[in-house]
Amino acid sequence: MQTNRPSTNLWKMGGWMALTCVVPLLALAAIFAFNIPLSTVALFGIVLICPAIHLLMMRNHGHAGHTNERPDA
C-alpha cells in the first residue's frame, strides 16, 4: 500500500544551515576541551578547505554527455 504523503528532505528543510552551525560549534568545543593549539586548527582548516571548495564548485558538472564513441569524420 502506497501513501501519498510528501517526502521530507532534510537538506531542503534547513539541514545545511543546521550543519554549518553545529559543526563549527562542535569544533570550538573540541578545541577548548582538548586544548588544541589554534595554529594546528588553522593549518588543518586551510588544508581541508581546498577539497571542500573543489567539491562545491564541481557539484553541477555531471558527466552524462560524455561517451566513448568517435565522431564521424
Protein backbone atom coordinates (compact mmCIF):
# COMPACT_ATOMS: atom_id res chain seq x y z
CA MET A 1 0.00 0.00 0.00
CA GLN A 2 1.40 3.35 -1.01
CA THR A 3 0.82 6.51 0.99
CA ASN A 4 0.50 9.93 -0.59
CA ARG A 5 2.42 11.89 1.99
CA PRO A 6 5.15 14.16 0.68
CA SER A 7 8.72 13.08 1.32
CA THR A 8 10.66 15.37 3.61
CA ASN A 9 14.19 16.12 2.59
CA LEU A 10 16.40 17.21 5.48
CA TRP A 11 18.60 19.37 3.26
CA LYS A 12 15.63 21.27 1.83
CA MET A 13 14.30 21.90 5.33
CA GLY A 14 17.39 23.73 6.55
CA GLY A 15 19.73 20.82 7.14
CA TRP A 16 22.64 22.65 5.54
CA MET A 17 22.09 25.60 7.84
CA ALA A 18 21.95 23.37 10.90
CA LEU A 19 25.06 21.50 9.76
CA THR A 20 27.03 24.69 9.18
CA CYS A 21 26.04 25.97 12.61
CA VAL A 22 26.59 22.78 14.60
CA VAL A 23 29.94 21.71 13.11
CA PRO A 24 31.80 24.94 13.98
CA LEU A 25 30.34 24.88 17.49
CA LEU A 26 31.50 21.29 17.98
CA ALA A 27 34.92 22.21 16.60
CA LEU A 28 35.25 25.10 19.03
CA ALA A 29 34.17 22.89 21.92
CA ALA A 30 36.77 20.29 20.94
CA ILE A 31 39.49 22.95 20.64
CA PHE A 32 38.87 24.20 24.15
CA ALA A 33 38.13 20.79 25.70
CA PHE A 34 41.26 19.10 24.34
CA ASN A 35 43.46 22.22 24.50
CA ILE A 36 44.41 22.08 20.79
CA PRO A 37 46.67 24.91 19.57
CA LEU A 38 44.92 27.31 17.20
CA SER A 39 47.83 27.16 14.73
CA THR A 40 47.18 23.43 14.28
CA VAL A 41 43.49 24.06 13.74
CA ALA A 42 44.25 26.80 11.21
CA LEU A 43 46.64 24.54 9.29
CA PHE A 44 44.11 21.71 9.07
CA GLY A 45 41.39 24.20 8.14
CA ILE A 46 43.43 25.54 5.24
CA VAL A 47 44.26 22.02 4.05
CA LEU A 48 40.64 20.83 4.26
CA ILE A 49 39.09 23.91 2.66
CA CYS A 50 40.74 23.16 -0.70
CA PRO A 51 38.89 19.88 -1.40
CA ALA A 52 35.68 21.29 0.08
CA ILE A 53 35.73 24.28 -2.28
CA HIS A 54 36.57 21.96 -5.19
CA LEU A 55 33.55 19.76 -4.43
CA LEU A 56 31.27 22.78 -4.16
CA MET A 57 32.48 24.23 -7.45
CA MET A 58 32.22 20.94 -9.36
CA ARG A 59 28.91 19.63 -7.97
CA ASN A 60 26.80 20.53 -11.02
CA HIS A 61 29.29 19.37 -13.63
CA GLY A 62 27.90 15.95 -14.45
CA HIS A 63 29.40 13.60 -16.97
CA ALA A 64 26.14 12.49 -18.60
CA GLY A 65 27.04 13.80 -22.06
CA HIS A 66 30.42 12.06 -22.31
CA THR A 67 30.64 8.96 -24.48
CA ASN A 68 33.48 6.84 -25.78
CA GLU A 69 32.23 6.96 -29.36
CA ARG A 70 34.30 8.66 -32.04
CA PRO A 71 32.60 11.40 -34.02
CA ASP A 72 32.03 10.63 -37.69
CA ALA A 73 34.53 12.47 -39.84
